[in-house]
Amino acid sequence: MSLSDLAFLVRAAASLPRHVLDPDVNTQPMAVQSAPLAQEEKPEPVKRPALAGGRWSEDQEAQLRGLYLKGVEVPEIAADMKRSPAAIVSRLLVMDLVEVIPKR
């Protein structure tokens, strides 16, 4: 073993936690129990609006334009059109009916 190999091992040992190198610590292997995979709770799938991700037809855009110009609130439009509020705002931006003004 070369001197550089020994120096490497000393540096590696110095970086280990103290309890790893302490001879007074019980060196018996620990029993680890893993939980069965079947018992893990799976998160509920996210409920998406019926038309989420779908293309907008010209009729839907006309309906959106009409509702928005009448002053209907975005959450109500979203529920009525079976789209998410984010989709409504996004489409309003595309249709140039709303404008984003950055904060200063």
Protein backbone atom coordinates (compact mmCIF):
# COMPACT_ATOMS: atom_id res chain seq x y z
CA MET A 1 0.00 0.00 0.00
CA SER A 2 1.40 3.33 -0.99
CA LEU A 3 1.56 6.40 1.20
CA SER A 4 -1.08 8.17 -0.96
CA ASP A 5 -3.45 5.20 -0.54
CA LEU A 6 -2.98 5.31 3.23
CA ALA A 7 -3.59 9.07 3.27
CA PHE A 8 -6.78 8.55 1.30
CA LEU A 9 -8.03 5.95 3.79
CA VAL A 10 -7.24 8.23 6.75
CA ARG A 11 -9.16 11.10 5.15
CA ALA A 12 -12.08 8.79 4.35
CA ALA A 13 -12.18 7.46 7.92
CA ALA A 14 -12.04 10.99 9.32
CA SER A 15 -15.15 11.94 7.32
CA LEU A 16 -17.20 9.08 8.82
CA PRO A 17 -19.49 9.75 11.80
CA ARG A 18 -17.85 9.12 15.19
CA HIS A 19 -20.20 6.25 16.12
CA VAL A 20 -19.07 4.27 13.06
CA LEU A 21 -15.48 4.14 14.24
CA ASP A 22 -16.22 3.73 17.99
CA PRO A 23 -15.40 0.15 19.09
CA ASP A 24 -17.85 0.35 22.05
CA VAL A 25 -20.85 0.47 19.77
CA ASN A 26 -22.77 -2.78 19.34
CA THR A 27 -21.72 -4.25 16.01
CA GLN A 28 -24.64 -6.69 15.74
CA PRO A 29 -26.48 -6.29 12.44
CA MET A 30 -29.77 -4.47 12.79
CA ALA A 31 -32.99 -6.12 11.66
CA VAL A 32 -34.86 -3.87 9.30
CA GLN A 33 -38.47 -4.54 8.48
CA SER A 34 -39.86 -3.19 5.28
CA ALA A 35 -43.50 -2.36 4.91
CA PRO A 36 -45.38 -4.49 2.41
CA LEU A 37 -46.02 -2.65 -0.83
CA ALA A 38 -49.68 -3.63 -0.91
CA GLN A 39 -50.40 -1.70 2.30
CA GLU A 40 -48.98 1.59 1.08
CA GLU A 41 -51.61 4.24 0.60
CA LYS A 42 -51.66 5.57 -2.92
CA PRO A 43 -52.57 9.23 -3.33
CA GLU A 44 -55.94 9.90 -4.88
CA PRO A 45 -55.72 10.88 -8.53
CA VAL A 46 -56.18 14.56 -9.20
CA LYS A 47 -59.70 15.35 -10.34
CA ARG A 48 -59.48 17.22 -13.61
CA PRO A 49 -62.28 19.08 -15.35
CA ALA A 50 -64.03 17.13 -18.11
CA LEU A 51 -62.46 19.09 -20.96
CA ALA A 52 -59.01 19.53 -19.39
CA GLY A 53 -56.31 19.55 -22.03
CA GLY A 54 -58.78 19.50 -24.91
CA ARG A 55 -58.69 21.85 -27.85
CA TRP A 56 -60.89 24.92 -27.87
CA SER A 57 -63.50 25.09 -30.61
CA GLU A 58 -64.59 28.37 -32.17
CA ASP A 59 -67.97 28.00 -30.42
CA GLN A 60 -66.26 27.58 -27.04
CA GLU A 61 -64.10 30.64 -27.65
CA ALA A 62 -67.20 32.64 -28.61
CA GLN A 63 -68.96 31.43 -25.45
CA LEU A 64 -65.92 32.36 -23.34
CA ARG A 65 -65.73 35.80 -24.95
CA GLY A 66 -69.43 36.41 -24.30
CA LEU A 67 -69.30 35.29 -20.65
CA TYR A 68 -66.17 37.27 -19.91
CA LEU A 69 -67.45 40.46 -21.55
CA LYS A 70 -70.71 40.12 -19.57
CA GLY A 71 -68.60 40.27 -16.39
CA VAL A 72 -68.99 36.67 -15.25
CA GLU A 73 -66.24 35.68 -12.77
CA VAL A 74 -63.51 33.28 -13.95
CA PRO A 75 -64.34 30.45 -11.46
CA GLU A 76 -67.96 30.53 -12.60
CA ILE A 77 -66.93 30.48 -16.27
CA ALA A 78 -64.59 27.56 -15.52
CA ALA A 79 -67.35 25.54 -13.86
CA ASP A 80 -69.80 26.37 -16.64
CA MET A 81 -67.38 25.40 -19.41
CA LYS A 82 -65.93 22.35 -17.58
CA ARG A 83 -62.41 23.82 -17.71
CA SER A 84 -59.98 24.84 -14.98
CA PRO A 85 -59.72 28.51 -13.95
CA ALA A 86 -56.11 28.45 -15.20
CA ALA A 87 -57.29 27.24 -18.61
CA ILE A 88 -59.84 30.05 -18.76
CA VAL A 89 -57.25 32.72 -17.92
CA SER A 90 -54.77 31.18 -20.35
CA ARG A 91 -57.31 31.25 -23.18
CA LEU A 92 -58.32 34.83 -22.30
CA LEU A 93 -54.64 35.77 -22.66
CA VAL A 94 -54.42 34.03 -26.05
CA MET A 95 -57.57 35.82 -27.17
CA ASP A 96 -56.11 39.19 -26.05
CA LEU A 97 -59.02 39.83 -23.70
CA VAL A 98 -56.78 40.25 -20.65
CA GLU A 99 -53.34 41.73 -20.25
CA VAL A 100 -50.61 40.83 -17.79
CA ILE A 101 -49.10 43.85 -16.09
CA PRO A 102 -45.94 43.02 -14.13
CA LYS A 103 -45.52 44.34 -10.59
CA ARG A 104 -42.89 47.01 -10.05
